[in-house]
Amino acid sequence: MSDVYYPDISPLRTGIAGKCPRCGRGDLFQGYLAMANCCRSCGLSYDFADGGDGASWFVMLFVCVAGVGSILGVEAAYSPSYWVHGLIAVPTLVFLPLLLLRPVKGVLINQQWKTDAREGQRQS
């Protein structure tokens, strides 16, 4: 059996692009957030991937800070009507998470593969 060399690839770069953590070419996702079974390029099985709720928590934290900050900033600077706040808050609090969720999940899964992270086990 021949050994194939895979270069050390950044989990950040491959995760944002939604690519395989080992080769950087195959797709990590089958749908918007659904994981593929394996890489079509190198054959890496994605059974190790446990995205959990980590990506959604990071995205919610960032979006809430950015959303509330933008709403408070506009209120402090301009004191606009409520409909202006609606025009700012709805896109920020709805569309920003939709844009960020897939790349953040990709980065977390690629980092999980890179560090060989596994579920914790009790020592007996």
N, C-alpha and C. Protein backbone atom coordinates (compact mmCIF):
# COMPACT_ATOMS: atom_id res chain seq x y z
N MET A 1 0.84 -1.17 0.00
CA MET A 1 0.00 0.00 0.00
C MET A 1 0.89 1.24 0.00
N SER A 2 0.61 2.16 -0.88
CA SER A 2 1.42 3.37 -0.96
C SER A 2 0.87 4.42 0.00
N ASP A 3 1.77 5.09 0.68
CA ASP A 3 1.38 6.16 1.57
C ASP A 3 1.26 7.45 0.78
N VAL A 4 0.15 8.14 0.97
CA VAL A 4 -0.10 9.40 0.30
C VAL A 4 0.18 10.52 1.29
N TYR A 5 0.91 11.50 0.84
CA TYR A 5 1.25 12.64 1.69
C TYR A 5 0.18 13.71 1.55
N TYR A 6 -0.33 14.18 2.69
CA TYR A 6 -1.27 15.29 2.70
C TYR A 6 -0.62 16.44 3.44
N PRO A 7 -0.58 17.61 2.83
CA PRO A 7 0.07 18.74 3.48
C PRO A 7 -0.70 19.21 4.70
N ASP A 8 -0.02 19.91 5.57
CA ASP A 8 -0.64 20.50 6.76
C ASP A 8 -1.44 21.72 6.32
N ILE A 9 -2.75 21.60 6.37
CA ILE A 9 -3.64 22.65 5.87
C ILE A 9 -4.30 23.35 7.05
N SER A 10 -4.50 24.63 6.93
CA SER A 10 -5.14 25.43 7.98
C SER A 10 -6.61 25.06 8.14
N PRO A 11 -7.04 24.69 9.36
CA PRO A 11 -8.47 24.42 9.58
C PRO A 11 -9.34 25.64 9.34
N LEU A 12 -8.80 26.81 9.56
CA LEU A 12 -9.56 28.03 9.33
C LEU A 12 -9.87 28.21 7.85
N ARG A 13 -8.86 28.04 7.02
CA ARG A 13 -9.04 28.24 5.58
C ARG A 13 -9.96 27.18 4.98
N THR A 14 -9.74 25.91 5.33
CA THR A 14 -10.57 24.86 4.76
C THR A 14 -11.97 24.87 5.35
N GLY A 15 -12.09 25.25 6.62
CA GLY A 15 -13.41 25.29 7.25
C GLY A 15 -14.29 26.37 6.67
N ILE A 16 -13.73 27.54 6.45
CA ILE A 16 -14.51 28.64 5.85
C ILE A 16 -14.96 28.27 4.44
N ALA A 17 -14.09 27.58 3.71
CA ALA A 17 -14.43 27.17 2.35
C ALA A 17 -15.33 25.94 2.32
N GLY A 18 -15.49 25.24 3.46
CA GLY A 18 -16.30 24.03 3.50
C GLY A 18 -15.65 22.86 2.81
N LYS A 19 -14.34 22.75 2.95
CA LYS A 19 -13.58 21.69 2.28
C LYS A 19 -13.08 20.66 3.27
N CYS A 20 -12.59 19.55 2.75
CA CYS A 20 -12.08 18.44 3.55
C CYS A 20 -10.89 18.89 4.40
N PRO A 21 -10.84 18.48 5.68
CA PRO A 21 -9.73 18.90 6.54
C PRO A 21 -8.41 18.22 6.19
N ARG A 22 -8.44 17.09 5.50
CA ARG A 22 -7.20 16.38 5.18
C ARG A 22 -6.60 16.84 3.86
N CYS A 23 -7.39 16.88 2.79
CA CYS A 23 -6.83 17.22 1.48
C CYS A 23 -7.15 18.64 1.04
N GLY A 24 -8.22 19.24 1.57
CA GLY A 24 -8.59 20.60 1.21
C GLY A 24 -9.29 20.72 -0.13
N ARG A 25 -9.69 19.59 -0.72
CA ARG A 25 -10.33 19.64 -2.04
C ARG A 25 -11.79 19.20 -2.02
N GLY A 26 -12.11 18.12 -1.33
CA GLY A 26 -13.47 17.59 -1.32
C GLY A 26 -14.40 18.44 -0.46
N ASP A 27 -15.68 18.33 -0.75
CA ASP A 27 -16.67 19.11 0.01
C ASP A 27 -16.92 18.48 1.37
N LEU A 28 -17.05 19.33 2.38
CA LEU A 28 -17.34 18.89 3.74
C LEU A 28 -18.84 18.75 3.95
N PHE A 29 -19.62 19.56 3.25
CA PHE A 29 -21.07 19.57 3.43
C PHE A 29 -21.77 19.00 2.22
N GLN A 30 -22.87 18.31 2.50
CA GLN A 30 -23.71 17.76 1.44
C GLN A 30 -24.82 18.74 1.10
N GLY A 31 -25.30 19.46 2.09
CA GLY A 31 -26.33 20.48 1.91
C GLY A 31 -25.87 21.76 2.59
N TYR A 32 -26.83 22.52 3.09
CA TYR A 32 -26.46 23.77 3.74
C TYR A 32 -25.67 23.51 5.02
N LEU A 33 -26.17 22.62 5.88
CA LEU A 33 -25.45 22.26 7.11
C LEU A 33 -25.27 20.76 7.26
N ALA A 34 -25.83 19.96 6.36
CA ALA A 34 -25.72 18.50 6.44
C ALA A 34 -24.32 18.06 6.00
N MET A 35 -23.71 17.23 6.84
CA MET A 35 -22.36 16.74 6.54
C MET A 35 -22.41 15.68 5.44
N ALA A 36 -21.41 15.67 4.60
CA ALA A 36 -21.25 14.59 3.63
C ALA A 36 -20.75 13.36 4.38
N ASN A 37 -20.90 12.19 3.77
CA ASN A 37 -20.43 10.96 4.41
C ASN A 37 -18.92 10.84 4.40
N CYS A 38 -18.32 11.23 3.28
CA CYS A 38 -16.86 11.14 3.15
C CYS A 38 -16.40 12.12 2.07
N CYS A 39 -15.10 12.33 2.04
CA CYS A 39 -14.51 13.23 1.04
C CYS A 39 -14.46 12.51 -0.30
N ARG A 40 -14.92 13.15 -1.33
CA ARG A 40 -14.88 12.55 -2.67
C ARG A 40 -13.49 12.55 -3.26
N SER A 41 -12.62 13.36 -2.73
CA SER A 41 -11.28 13.47 -3.27
C SER A 41 -10.30 12.48 -2.63
N CYS A 42 -10.24 12.45 -1.30
CA CYS A 42 -9.26 11.60 -0.62
C CYS A 42 -9.89 10.41 0.11
N GLY A 43 -11.22 10.39 0.24
CA GLY A 43 -11.89 9.28 0.88
C GLY A 43 -11.96 9.33 2.40
N LEU A 44 -11.59 10.45 3.01
CA LEU A 44 -11.66 10.58 4.47
C LEU A 44 -13.11 10.47 4.92
N SER A 45 -13.38 9.56 5.85
CA SER A 45 -14.72 9.40 6.40
C SER A 45 -14.96 10.50 7.42
N TYR A 46 -16.13 11.10 7.34
CA TYR A 46 -16.47 12.17 8.26
C TYR A 46 -17.22 11.66 9.49
N ASP A 47 -17.04 10.39 9.81
CA ASP A 47 -17.69 9.84 11.00
C ASP A 47 -17.17 10.46 12.29
N PHE A 48 -15.97 11.00 12.27
CA PHE A 48 -15.39 11.64 13.45
C PHE A 48 -16.09 12.94 13.81
N ALA A 49 -16.76 13.54 12.85
CA ALA A 49 -17.31 14.90 13.01
C ALA A 49 -18.49 14.91 13.96
N ASP A 50 -18.38 15.72 14.98
CA ASP A 50 -19.47 15.94 15.92
C ASP A 50 -19.60 17.45 16.11
N GLY A 51 -20.36 18.07 15.21
CA GLY A 51 -20.51 19.51 15.26
C GLY A 51 -21.23 19.99 16.50
N GLY A 52 -22.20 19.22 16.96
CA GLY A 52 -22.95 19.61 18.15
C GLY A 52 -23.57 20.99 17.99
N ASP A 53 -23.64 21.71 19.08
CA ASP A 53 -24.22 23.04 19.08
C ASP A 53 -23.16 24.14 19.15
N GLY A 54 -21.90 23.79 19.04
CA GLY A 54 -20.83 24.77 19.19
C GLY A 54 -20.92 25.91 18.21
N ALA A 55 -21.15 25.58 16.94
CA ALA A 55 -21.21 26.63 15.92
C ALA A 55 -22.36 27.59 16.18
N SER A 56 -23.51 27.05 16.54
CA SER A 56 -24.66 27.94 16.76
C SER A 56 -24.44 28.84 17.98
N TRP A 57 -23.77 28.33 19.01
CA TRP A 57 -23.50 29.17 20.18
C TRP A 57 -22.52 30.30 19.84
N PHE A 58 -21.46 29.99 19.11
CA PHE A 58 -20.50 31.03 18.72
C PHE A 58 -21.17 32.08 17.83
N VAL A 59 -21.98 31.63 16.89
CA VAL A 59 -22.65 32.56 15.98
C VAL A 59 -23.64 33.43 16.75
N MET A 60 -24.42 32.81 17.64
CA MET A 60 -25.38 33.60 18.44
C MET A 60 -24.66 34.65 19.28
N LEU A 61 -23.56 34.27 19.89
CA LEU A 61 -22.81 35.21 20.72
C LEU A 61 -22.34 36.40 19.89
N PHE A 62 -21.72 36.14 18.75
CA PHE A 62 -21.21 37.20 17.90
C PHE A 62 -22.33 38.08 17.35
N VAL A 63 -23.38 37.45 16.86
CA VAL A 63 -24.47 38.21 16.24
C VAL A 63 -25.22 39.04 17.27
N CYS A 64 -25.41 38.50 18.46
CA CYS A 64 -26.10 39.29 19.49
C CYS A 64 -25.29 40.52 19.88
N VAL A 65 -23.99 40.36 20.01
CA VAL A 65 -23.16 41.51 20.35
C VAL A 65 -23.19 42.53 19.20
N ALA A 66 -23.03 42.06 17.97
CA ALA A 66 -23.05 42.97 16.82
C ALA A 66 -24.43 43.60 16.62
N GLY A 67 -25.48 42.79 16.78
CA GLY A 67 -26.84 43.30 16.56
C GLY A 67 -27.25 44.31 17.60
N VAL A 68 -27.07 43.97 18.86
CA VAL A 68 -27.44 44.90 19.92
C VAL A 68 -26.54 46.13 19.88
N GLY A 69 -25.27 45.94 19.59
CA GLY A 69 -24.36 47.08 19.48
C GLY A 69 -24.76 48.03 18.37
N SER A 70 -25.15 47.48 17.22
CA SER A 70 -25.56 48.36 16.11
C SER A 70 -26.87 49.07 16.43
N ILE A 71 -27.79 48.38 17.08
CA ILE A 71 -29.06 49.02 17.45
C ILE A 71 -28.83 50.14 18.46
N LEU A 72 -28.03 49.87 19.48
CA LEU A 72 -27.74 50.91 20.48
C LEU A 72 -26.94 52.06 19.88
N GLY A 73 -26.01 51.75 18.99
CA GLY A 73 -25.23 52.80 18.35
C GLY A 73 -26.08 53.73 17.51
N VAL A 74 -26.99 53.16 16.75
CA VAL A 74 -27.88 53.98 15.92
C VAL A 74 -28.82 54.80 16.81
N GLU A 75 -29.31 54.19 17.88
CA GLU A 75 -30.19 54.92 18.80
C GLU A 75 -29.46 56.08 19.46
N ALA A 76 -28.24 55.86 19.90
CA ALA A 76 -27.48 56.92 20.56
C ALA A 76 -27.09 58.03 19.60
N ALA A 77 -26.78 57.68 18.37
CA ALA A 77 -26.31 58.69 17.42
C ALA A 77 -27.45 59.46 16.76
N TYR A 78 -28.56 58.79 16.43
CA TYR A 78 -29.59 59.42 15.61
C TYR A 78 -30.98 59.48 16.23
N SER A 79 -31.28 58.65 17.21
CA SER A 79 -32.62 58.53 17.80
C SER A 79 -33.71 58.41 16.73
N PRO A 80 -33.63 57.41 15.87
CA PRO A 80 -34.59 57.28 14.77
C PRO A 80 -35.90 56.63 15.23
N SER A 81 -36.84 56.52 14.32
CA SER A 81 -38.12 55.88 14.58
C SER A 81 -37.92 54.37 14.75
N TYR A 82 -38.98 53.71 15.21
CA TYR A 82 -38.91 52.26 15.43
C TYR A 82 -38.73 51.49 14.13
N TRP A 83 -39.30 51.98 13.04
CA TRP A 83 -39.18 51.27 11.78
C TRP A 83 -37.74 51.26 11.28
N VAL A 84 -36.96 52.28 11.61
CA VAL A 84 -35.54 52.30 11.23
C VAL A 84 -34.79 51.21 12.03
N HIS A 85 -35.13 51.08 13.30
CA HIS A 85 -34.53 50.00 14.09
C HIS A 85 -34.89 48.64 13.51
N GLY A 86 -36.13 48.51 13.03
CA GLY A 86 -36.54 47.26 12.39
C GLY A 86 -35.75 46.98 11.13
N LEU A 87 -35.45 48.03 10.36
CA LEU A 87 -34.66 47.85 9.14
C LEU A 87 -33.21 47.46 9.45
N ILE A 88 -32.72 47.85 10.59
CA ILE A 88 -31.35 47.51 10.98
C ILE A 88 -31.31 46.17 11.71
N ALA A 89 -32.23 45.96 12.64
CA ALA A 89 -32.18 44.78 13.50
C ALA A 89 -32.54 43.50 12.76
N VAL A 90 -33.57 43.52 11.94
CA VAL A 90 -34.01 42.29 11.28
C VAL A 90 -32.92 41.71 10.37
N PRO A 91 -32.33 42.48 9.47
CA PRO A 91 -31.26 41.88 8.67
C PRO A 91 -30.06 41.44 9.50
N THR A 92 -29.73 42.22 10.51
CA THR A 92 -28.57 41.87 11.33
C THR A 92 -28.82 40.60 12.12
N LEU A 93 -29.96 40.48 12.73
CA LEU A 93 -30.24 39.36 13.63
C LEU A 93 -30.79 38.13 12.92
N VAL A 94 -31.17 38.24 11.64
CA VAL A 94 -31.68 37.08 10.90
C VAL A 94 -30.68 36.62 9.83
N PHE A 95 -30.21 37.54 9.01
CA PHE A 95 -29.38 37.15 7.88
C PHE A 95 -27.91 36.90 8.26
N LEU A 96 -27.39 37.62 9.22
CA LEU A 96 -26.00 37.42 9.64
C LEU A 96 -25.76 36.01 10.20
N PRO A 97 -26.66 35.47 11.05
CA PRO A 97 -26.45 34.09 11.48
C PRO A 97 -26.51 33.08 10.32
N LEU A 98 -27.38 33.33 9.36
CA LEU A 98 -27.46 32.43 8.21
C LEU A 98 -26.18 32.44 7.39
N LEU A 99 -25.53 33.59 7.32
CA LEU A 99 -24.27 33.67 6.59
C LEU A 99 -23.11 33.05 7.36
N LEU A 100 -23.13 33.13 8.67
CA LEU A 100 -21.99 32.69 9.48
C LEU A 100 -22.04 31.24 9.94
N LEU A 101 -23.21 30.64 9.99
CA LEU A 101 -23.34 29.33 10.61
C LEU A 101 -22.55 28.24 9.88
N ARG A 102 -22.62 28.18 8.58
CA ARG A 102 -21.91 27.14 7.82
C ARG A 102 -20.38 27.29 7.93
N PRO A 103 -19.80 28.48 7.73
CA PRO A 103 -18.34 28.58 7.87
C PRO A 103 -17.85 28.28 9.28
N VAL A 104 -18.59 28.70 10.30
CA VAL A 104 -18.16 28.44 11.67
C VAL A 104 -18.24 26.95 11.97
N LYS A 105 -19.28 26.28 11.50
CA LYS A 105 -19.37 24.82 11.69
C LYS A 105 -18.23 24.12 10.96
N GLY A 106 -17.89 24.57 9.77
CA GLY A 106 -16.77 23.99 9.03
C GLY A 106 -15.45 24.16 9.76
N VAL A 107 -15.22 25.33 10.31
CA VAL A 107 -13.97 25.57 11.05
C VAL A 107 -13.89 24.69 12.28
N LEU A 108 -14.98 24.57 13.02
CA LEU A 108 -14.97 23.74 14.23
C LEU A 108 -14.75 22.26 13.91
N ILE A 109 -15.36 21.77 12.86
CA ILE A 109 -15.18 20.36 12.48
C ILE A 109 -13.76 20.13 11.96
N ASN A 110 -13.24 21.05 11.18
CA ASN A 110 -11.86 20.89 10.69
C ASN A 110 -10.85 20.99 11.82
N GLN A 111 -11.11 21.83 12.79
CA GLN A 111 -10.23 21.92 13.96
C GLN A 111 -10.33 20.64 14.79
N GLN A 112 -11.51 20.07 14.86
CA GLN A 112 -11.69 18.80 15.58
C GLN A 112 -10.86 17.70 14.93
N TRP A 113 -10.83 17.64 13.61
CA TRP A 113 -10.02 16.63 12.93
C TRP A 113 -8.53 16.90 13.12
N LYS A 114 -8.14 18.16 13.02
CA LYS A 114 -6.72 18.52 13.12
C LYS A 114 -6.15 18.17 14.49
N THR A 115 -6.91 18.40 15.55
CA THR A 115 -6.42 18.14 16.90
C THR A 115 -6.76 16.74 17.39
N ASP A 116 -7.44 15.95 16.54
CA ASP A 116 -7.86 14.59 16.88
C ASP A 116 -8.69 14.59 18.17
N ALA A 117 -9.61 15.54 18.26
CA ALA A 117 -10.45 15.68 19.44
C ALA A 117 -11.47 14.54 19.49
N ARG A 118 -11.63 13.99 20.65
CA ARG A 118 -12.58 12.88 20.88
C ARG A 118 -13.41 13.18 22.11
N GLU A 119 -14.48 12.43 22.26
CA GLU A 119 -15.30 12.57 23.44
C GLU A 119 -14.54 12.12 24.67
N GLY A 120 -14.71 12.83 25.75
CA GLY A 120 -14.00 12.49 26.99
C GLY A 120 -14.45 11.15 27.55
N GLN A 121 -13.51 10.44 28.16
CA GLN A 121 -13.83 9.14 28.75
C GLN A 121 -13.34 9.12 30.20
N ARG A 122 -14.09 8.43 31.03
CA ARG A 122 -13.72 8.33 32.44
C ARG A 122 -12.65 7.27 32.62
N GLN A 123 -11.72 7.57 33.49
CA GLN A 123 -10.70 6.60 33.86
C GLN A 123 -11.25 5.75 35.00
N SER A 124 -11.06 4.45 34.93
CA SER A 124 -11.56 3.61 36.01
C SER A 124 -10.50 3.23 37.02
